[in-house]
Amino acid sequence: MFRIITLTSAIALGIALSGPTKAQDITESPSTVGATYVPESAATALEPGQKIENLYTKNVTQPYILQKLTDRVYFFQAGFYGTVFYVGDEGVLLFDALEGQGEAVLAAVAQVTDLPITAILYSHDHADHIADAPRLIAAFPELRILATARTAALMEELGSALPRPTEVIPADRNAFDFEGLTVTVAPFTAETHAHDHAAYVLEGTGVVHVPDVINPDQPPFWSFAGADGYFGYRELVNQIDALDWDYLSGGHGNVGSRADVAFYRQFLDDLEAAVGEALGTVAFGSTVENPAAVNAHTAYLSTWIKAVGEYATDALRPTYGDYYGFDYATPKNAEMVGMYMFSYR
């Protein structure tokens, strides 16, 4: 029998197989934005621009991380997956049902309120962000599931096995109400990460939830967080920056601020410059030493674009090499930028 290994379960399995991790054995990466780090607290609100200390360590040594953002909004993270929830007067609105983290979400919510989870928002139709909906429904059978018309249509088109939305957010309004809280939907114009991707602004709280574009306090994640390509990625960053918020919930990484957006813009500028230099330096064909041996022209492009990515990564390393995940993410991202710049001239 085949077992489907999901990303979140693979991460958990990897941590389990490697044995218990000791906090003292971990050296945290420096902040990309010179952030002030504070101890995690479910009781004391985070100031805009502050970040949670030792976040990587906490992800591999704690069942979950819970941080108060505002009077009613909390930041949650477990297994490197994050989200937010809003505590109303009668119930809790949860943004996404993170795969493999249903039990941790229930424990975190119970830590700050006795109220039930009465609504879940699906941010987009990627299973790693919504696959634990059945566990939460089992705990609260009457809860509402909200999603945009684009997400509902995509789940239908793809025959999703996950619980379907019980309420569809009208595209002509792009907003919904939860106990007096207005959540505004800001659909993305580019489909770089997902066909139904959007940002969700919790009006009046200063919080925006927008997974899988910006990983705060980190350079862009590997493959720009699973994007189909680089085309349109910068536009997503710009759209996020144009919204009204003080705290960014990026689905991964720390709590975000405007400084994280500025860092991303600068990194993308430098990445494009490094890739441009690589394209002009690494000659096409130079990576195939013996054409007779490869027996396929596929080798010319695949080995060349890999070399372009490695060249650009080395060029960026003096400035960015100490940051979180740089060597694991940047070569692939540089390759994607290389293909973009090679294709669109």
Protein backbone atom coordinates (compact mmCIF):
# COMPACT_ATOMS: atom_id res chain seq x y z
CA MET A 1 0.00 0.00 0.00
CA PHE A 2 1.30 3.42 -0.95
CA ARG A 3 1.34 6.16 1.66
CA ILE A 4 1.03 9.76 0.53
CA ILE A 5 3.71 11.81 2.31
CA THR A 6 2.68 15.44 2.59
CA LEU A 7 5.09 18.29 3.09
CA THR A 8 4.10 18.91 6.68
CA SER A 9 4.19 15.22 7.58
CA ALA A 10 7.56 14.88 5.84
CA ILE A 11 8.93 17.74 7.94
CA ALA A 12 7.56 16.14 11.10
CA LEU A 13 8.93 12.73 10.08
CA GLY A 14 12.33 14.22 9.39
CA ILE A 15 12.46 15.83 12.80
CA ALA A 16 11.34 12.58 14.46
CA LEU A 17 13.90 10.45 12.63
CA SER A 18 16.73 12.81 13.50
CA GLY A 19 16.04 12.43 17.21
CA PRO A 20 15.27 15.04 19.82
CA THR A 21 16.66 18.48 19.08
CA LYS A 22 18.24 20.45 21.88
CA ALA A 23 17.75 24.21 21.84
CA GLN A 24 21.35 24.81 22.88
CA ASP A 25 22.57 23.01 19.75
CA ILE A 26 20.88 25.51 17.41
CA THR A 27 22.38 28.77 16.22
CA GLU A 28 19.69 31.12 14.91
CA SER A 29 20.33 33.10 11.72
CA PRO A 30 20.69 36.89 11.96
CA SER A 31 17.69 39.08 11.20
CA THR A 32 17.40 40.28 7.61
CA VAL A 33 15.89 43.55 8.88
CA GLY A 34 17.77 44.19 12.13
CA ALA A 35 14.65 43.26 14.08
CA THR A 36 14.15 43.55 17.82
CA TYR A 37 13.35 40.08 19.12
CA VAL A 38 11.12 39.57 22.14
CA PRO A 39 10.05 36.48 24.10
CA GLU A 40 6.97 34.68 22.80
CA SER A 41 3.84 35.71 24.71
CA ALA A 42 0.16 34.87 24.42
CA ALA A 43 -0.62 37.68 26.90
CA THR A 44 1.54 40.61 25.78
CA ALA A 45 0.88 42.08 22.34
CA LEU A 46 3.74 42.37 19.89
CA GLU A 47 4.67 45.90 18.83
CA PRO A 48 4.75 46.52 15.04
CA GLY A 49 8.23 45.64 13.80
CA GLN A 50 9.08 43.35 16.70
CA LYS A 51 9.63 39.65 16.08
CA ILE A 52 9.46 36.45 18.12
CA GLU A 53 12.87 35.32 19.37
CA ASN A 54 14.41 31.94 18.49
CA LEU A 55 11.65 31.04 16.03
CA TYR A 56 13.50 28.20 14.29
CA THR A 57 14.44 26.69 17.64
CA LYS A 58 10.85 26.90 18.84
CA ASN A 59 9.57 25.19 15.68
CA VAL A 60 11.72 22.13 16.30
CA THR A 61 11.41 21.98 20.09
CA GLN A 62 7.84 23.13 20.89
CA PRO A 63 4.42 21.76 19.88
CA TYR A 64 3.41 25.25 18.73
CA ILE A 65 4.15 28.97 19.02
CA LEU A 66 1.45 31.41 20.12
CA GLN A 67 1.90 35.17 20.09
CA LYS A 68 -0.64 37.90 20.80
CA LEU A 69 -0.66 40.56 18.07
CA THR A 70 -3.59 42.76 19.10
CA ASP A 71 -6.48 42.66 21.56
CA ARG A 72 -8.24 39.94 19.56
CA VAL A 73 -5.73 38.61 17.01
CA TYR A 74 -3.17 35.88 17.70
CA PHE A 75 -0.29 34.54 15.60
CA PHE A 76 0.12 30.75 15.55
CA GLN A 77 2.92 28.62 14.14
CA ALA A 78 3.82 24.92 14.29
CA GLY A 79 6.10 22.83 12.10
CA PHE A 80 7.14 26.02 10.24
CA TYR A 81 3.52 26.68 9.16
CA GLY A 82 1.83 29.79 10.48
CA THR A 83 -1.50 31.58 10.53
CA VAL A 84 -3.64 33.89 12.67
CA PHE A 85 -6.97 33.65 14.45
CA TYR A 86 -9.42 36.27 15.69
CA VAL A 87 -11.29 35.91 18.98
CA GLY A 88 -14.78 37.40 18.82
CA ASP A 89 -17.46 37.66 21.49
CA GLU A 90 -19.12 34.38 20.57
CA GLY A 91 -16.55 32.40 18.63
CA VAL A 92 -13.17 32.26 16.88
CA LEU A 93 -12.35 32.91 13.23
CA LEU A 94 -9.39 30.80 12.07
CA PHE A 95 -7.46 31.64 8.92
CA ASP A 96 -6.58 28.31 7.26
CA ALA A 97 -6.59 24.78 8.68
CA LEU A 98 -2.91 23.94 8.50
CA GLU A 99 -2.16 20.38 7.47
CA GLY A 100 -1.11 18.20 10.38
CA GLN A 101 -1.62 20.97 12.91
CA GLY A 102 -5.30 20.58 13.87
CA GLU A 103 -4.56 19.38 17.39
CA ALA A 104 -2.01 22.13 17.96
CA VAL A 105 -4.46 24.76 16.70
CA LEU A 106 -7.15 23.49 19.07
CA ALA A 107 -4.69 23.62 21.98
CA ALA A 108 -3.52 27.12 21.10
CA VAL A 109 -7.05 28.51 20.79
CA ALA A 110 -8.01 26.87 24.10
CA GLN A 111 -4.99 28.52 25.71
CA VAL A 112 -6.53 31.99 25.26
CA THR A 113 -10.31 31.44 25.11
CA ASP A 114 -13.08 29.00 25.97
CA LEU A 115 -14.99 30.03 22.85
CA PRO A 116 -15.41 27.54 19.97
CA ILE A 117 -13.95 27.93 16.51
CA THR A 118 -17.03 28.98 14.56
CA ALA A 119 -15.48 29.84 11.17
CA ILE A 120 -12.50 28.90 9.03
CA LEU A 121 -11.29 30.87 6.04
CA TYR A 122 -9.54 29.00 3.22
CA SER A 123 -6.89 31.44 1.96
CA HIS A 124 -6.26 29.40 -1.21
CA ASP A 125 -6.68 25.85 -2.48
CA HIS A 126 -3.34 24.36 -1.48
CA ALA A 127 -3.79 21.33 0.75
CA ASP A 128 -0.84 22.08 3.01
CA HIS A 129 -2.72 25.14 4.26
CA ILE A 130 -6.24 23.74 4.57
CA ALA A 131 -6.06 19.94 4.88
CA ASP A 132 -6.82 19.74 8.61
CA ALA A 133 -10.32 21.14 8.11
CA PRO A 134 -11.87 17.69 8.81
CA ARG A 135 -10.19 17.56 12.24
CA LEU A 136 -11.55 20.98 13.15
CA ILE A 137 -14.99 20.14 11.81
CA ALA A 138 -14.96 17.02 13.99
CA ALA A 139 -14.38 19.27 16.99
CA PHE A 140 -16.89 21.93 15.93
CA PRO A 141 -19.44 20.41 13.50
CA GLU A 142 -21.36 23.65 13.01
CA LEU A 143 -18.47 25.83 11.95
CA ARG A 144 -18.62 27.91 8.79
CA ILE A 145 -16.07 27.44 6.01
CA LEU A 146 -15.51 30.57 3.95
CA ALA A 147 -13.64 30.88 0.66
CA THR A 148 -13.52 33.13 -2.36
CA ALA A 149 -15.48 32.25 -5.48
CA ARG A 150 -12.15 31.47 -7.18
CA THR A 151 -11.16 29.00 -4.46
CA ALA A 152 -14.59 27.34 -4.46
CA ALA A 153 -14.51 26.99 -8.25
CA LEU A 154 -10.97 25.60 -8.24
CA MET A 155 -11.84 22.99 -5.61
CA GLU A 156 -14.79 21.94 -7.74
CA GLU A 157 -12.76 21.83 -10.95
CA LEU A 158 -10.01 19.72 -9.38
CA GLY A 159 -12.37 17.45 -7.48
CA SER A 160 -10.94 18.36 -4.11
CA ALA A 161 -11.36 15.72 -1.41
CA LEU A 162 -11.36 18.40 1.29
CA PRO A 163 -14.53 19.88 2.82
CA ARG A 164 -16.02 22.43 0.48
CA PRO A 165 -16.82 26.00 1.54
CA THR A 166 -20.21 26.44 3.17
CA GLU A 167 -20.14 30.13 2.27
CA VAL A 168 -18.63 31.73 -0.83
CA ILE A 169 -17.37 35.30 -0.57
CA PRO A 170 -19.01 37.23 -3.43
CA ALA A 171 -16.48 38.45 -5.99
CA ASP A 172 -18.36 41.72 -6.43
CA ARG A 173 -17.97 42.50 -2.71
CA ASN A 174 -14.68 40.77 -1.81
CA ALA A 175 -15.38 41.05 1.90
CA PHE A 176 -17.19 39.22 4.68
CA ASP A 177 -18.26 39.94 8.25
CA PHE A 178 -17.38 38.01 11.38
CA GLU A 179 -19.01 39.35 14.53
CA GLY A 180 -18.53 42.94 13.38
CA LEU A 181 -15.02 42.35 11.99
CA THR A 182 -14.78 43.10 8.28
CA VAL A 183 -12.30 40.94 6.40
CA THR A 184 -11.44 42.38 3.01
CA VAL A 185 -10.21 40.15 0.21
CA ALA A 186 -7.50 41.57 -2.05
CA PRO A 187 -7.24 39.18 -5.02
CA PHE A 188 -3.85 38.99 -6.69
CA THR A 189 -3.53 39.94 -10.34
CA ALA A 190 -0.65 37.51 -10.89
CA GLU A 191 -1.04 33.74 -10.56
CA THR A 192 2.57 33.11 -9.60
CA HIS A 193 1.84 30.97 -6.54
CA ALA A 194 -1.77 29.86 -6.92
CA HIS A 195 -4.65 30.39 -9.33
CA ASP A 196 -6.88 31.57 -6.46
CA HIS A 197 -4.36 33.45 -4.35
CA ALA A 198 -5.36 36.55 -2.35
CA ALA A 199 -4.51 38.63 0.69
CA TYR A 200 -6.94 39.02 3.59
CA VAL A 201 -7.02 42.26 5.57
CA LEU A 202 -8.56 42.14 9.05
CA GLU A 203 -9.86 45.68 8.95
CA GLY A 204 -9.16 47.82 11.99
CA THR A 205 -6.68 45.36 13.50
CA GLY A 206 -3.59 46.17 11.46
CA VAL A 207 -3.23 42.50 10.46
CA VAL A 208 -3.02 40.99 6.96
CA HIS A 209 -2.93 37.25 6.26
CA VAL A 210 -1.26 36.33 2.98
CA PRO A 211 0.51 32.96 2.86
CA ASP A 212 3.34 31.93 0.59
CA VAL A 213 4.69 35.17 -0.85
CA ILE A 214 6.84 36.82 1.81
CA ASN A 215 8.55 34.75 4.51
CA PRO A 216 9.40 37.49 7.03
CA ASP A 217 12.98 37.67 8.29
CA GLN A 218 14.17 35.36 5.52
CA PRO A 219 15.22 35.67 1.88
CA PRO A 220 12.57 34.26 -0.49
CA PHE A 221 11.92 30.57 0.10
CA TRP A 222 13.02 27.85 -2.31
CA SER A 223 11.27 28.14 -5.71
CA PHE A 224 9.70 31.36 -4.46
CA ALA A 225 7.51 29.23 -2.16
CA GLY A 226 6.37 26.83 -4.84
CA ALA A 227 5.66 29.41 -7.54
CA ASP A 228 5.24 28.29 -11.14
CA GLY A 229 7.84 30.84 -12.18
CA TYR A 230 9.27 34.26 -11.41
CA PHE A 231 6.89 36.09 -13.75
CA GLY A 232 4.53 38.16 -11.59
CA TYR A 233 6.27 37.53 -8.27
CA ARG A 234 7.44 41.10 -7.77
CA GLU A 235 3.91 42.28 -8.51
CA LEU A 236 2.63 40.17 -5.59
CA VAL A 237 5.13 41.83 -3.27
CA ASN A 238 4.04 45.27 -4.48
CA GLN A 239 0.35 44.44 -4.04
CA ILE A 240 0.95 43.36 -0.45
CA ASP A 241 2.85 46.56 0.28
CA ALA A 242 -0.05 48.65 -1.06
CA LEU A 243 -2.47 47.23 1.53
CA ASP A 244 -3.18 48.74 4.96
CA TRP A 245 -1.46 46.68 7.67
CA ASP A 246 1.10 46.73 10.49
CA TYR A 247 1.51 42.96 11.02
CA LEU A 248 2.02 40.46 8.20
CA SER A 249 1.06 36.80 8.61
CA GLY A 250 2.99 35.21 5.77
CA GLY A 251 2.15 31.55 6.37
CA HIS A 252 5.83 30.85 7.13
CA GLY A 253 8.58 32.80 8.84
CA ASN A 254 8.26 35.35 11.61
CA VAL A 255 5.67 38.08 12.08
CA GLY A 256 6.23 40.50 9.23
CA SER A 257 6.61 44.27 9.00
CA ARG A 258 7.13 46.88 6.28
CA ALA A 259 10.87 46.38 6.71
CA ASP A 260 10.45 42.83 5.42
CA VAL A 261 8.82 44.13 2.24
CA ALA A 262 11.68 46.59 1.75
CA PHE A 263 14.18 43.77 2.26
CA TYR A 264 12.43 41.64 -0.36
CA ARG A 265 12.48 44.46 -2.89
CA GLN A 266 16.20 45.03 -2.35
CA PHE A 267 16.92 41.30 -2.51
CA LEU A 268 15.00 40.94 -5.78
CA ASP A 269 16.89 43.93 -7.24
CA ASP A 270 20.21 42.36 -6.27
CA LEU A 271 19.13 38.89 -7.41
CA GLU A 272 18.13 40.17 -10.84
CA ALA A 273 21.44 42.06 -11.14
CA ALA A 274 23.43 38.96 -10.17
CA VAL A 275 21.50 36.78 -12.60
CA GLY A 276 21.98 39.35 -15.35
CA GLU A 277 25.72 39.24 -14.72
CA ALA A 278 25.64 35.44 -14.80
CA LEU A 279 23.74 35.38 -18.09
CA GLY A 280 26.44 37.56 -19.60
CA THR A 281 29.31 35.57 -18.14
CA VAL A 282 28.35 31.88 -18.33
CA ALA A 283 28.36 31.13 -22.06
CA PHE A 284 25.55 28.96 -23.38
CA GLY A 285 27.07 25.60 -24.32
CA SER A 286 30.06 25.97 -22.04
CA THR A 287 28.55 23.54 -19.53
CA VAL A 288 28.53 20.65 -22.02
CA GLU A 289 32.11 19.48 -22.40
CA ASN A 290 31.43 16.55 -24.70
CA PRO A 291 28.36 16.97 -26.95
CA ALA A 292 28.73 13.42 -28.29
CA ALA A 293 28.40 11.98 -24.80
CA VAL A 294 25.16 13.72 -23.77
CA ASN A 295 23.16 12.60 -26.84
CA ALA A 296 20.43 15.19 -26.16
CA HIS A 297 20.17 18.94 -26.55
CA THR A 298 18.32 18.98 -23.20
CA ALA A 299 21.70 18.98 -21.50
CA TYR A 300 22.61 22.38 -22.92
CA LEU A 301 19.83 24.33 -21.23
CA SER A 302 19.53 22.32 -18.01
CA THR A 303 23.23 22.44 -17.14
CA TRP A 304 23.60 26.05 -18.27
CA ILE A 305 20.72 27.42 -16.20
CA LYS A 306 22.04 25.48 -13.19
CA ALA A 307 25.42 27.13 -13.65
CA VAL A 308 23.73 30.53 -13.95
CA GLY A 309 21.98 29.92 -10.64
CA GLU A 310 25.22 28.88 -8.94
CA TYR A 311 27.07 31.91 -10.31
CA ALA A 312 24.39 34.33 -9.11
CA THR A 313 24.24 32.65 -5.70
CA ASP A 314 27.99 33.02 -5.25
CA ALA A 315 27.75 36.68 -6.26
CA LEU A 316 25.09 37.31 -3.59
CA ARG A 317 26.75 35.29 -0.82
CA PRO A 318 28.96 38.09 0.61
CA THR A 319 25.85 40.19 1.30
CA TYR A 320 23.16 37.59 2.03
CA GLY A 321 24.94 34.30 2.72
CA ASP A 322 24.43 34.28 6.50
CA TYR A 323 20.65 34.68 6.28
CA TYR A 324 18.10 31.95 6.91
CA GLY A 325 18.02 29.30 4.18
CA PHE A 326 20.15 31.25 1.72
CA ASP A 327 22.13 28.30 0.32
CA TYR A 328 19.07 26.06 0.11
CA ALA A 329 16.77 28.55 -1.60
CA THR A 330 18.80 30.98 -3.68
CA PRO A 331 20.26 28.66 -6.37
CA LYS A 332 16.76 27.53 -7.41
CA ASN A 333 15.37 31.06 -7.22
CA ALA A 334 18.26 32.34 -9.32
CA GLU A 335 17.53 29.65 -11.91
CA MET A 336 13.90 30.76 -12.06
CA VAL A 337 14.92 34.40 -12.50
CA GLY A 338 17.41 33.25 -15.12
CA MET A 339 14.74 31.48 -17.15
CA TYR A 340 12.50 34.55 -16.83
CA MET A 341 15.23 36.94 -18.03
CA PHE A 342 16.36 34.52 -20.74
CA SER A 343 12.81 34.12 -22.06
CA TYR A 344 11.56 37.72 -21.88
CA ARG A 345 14.07 40.01 -23.54
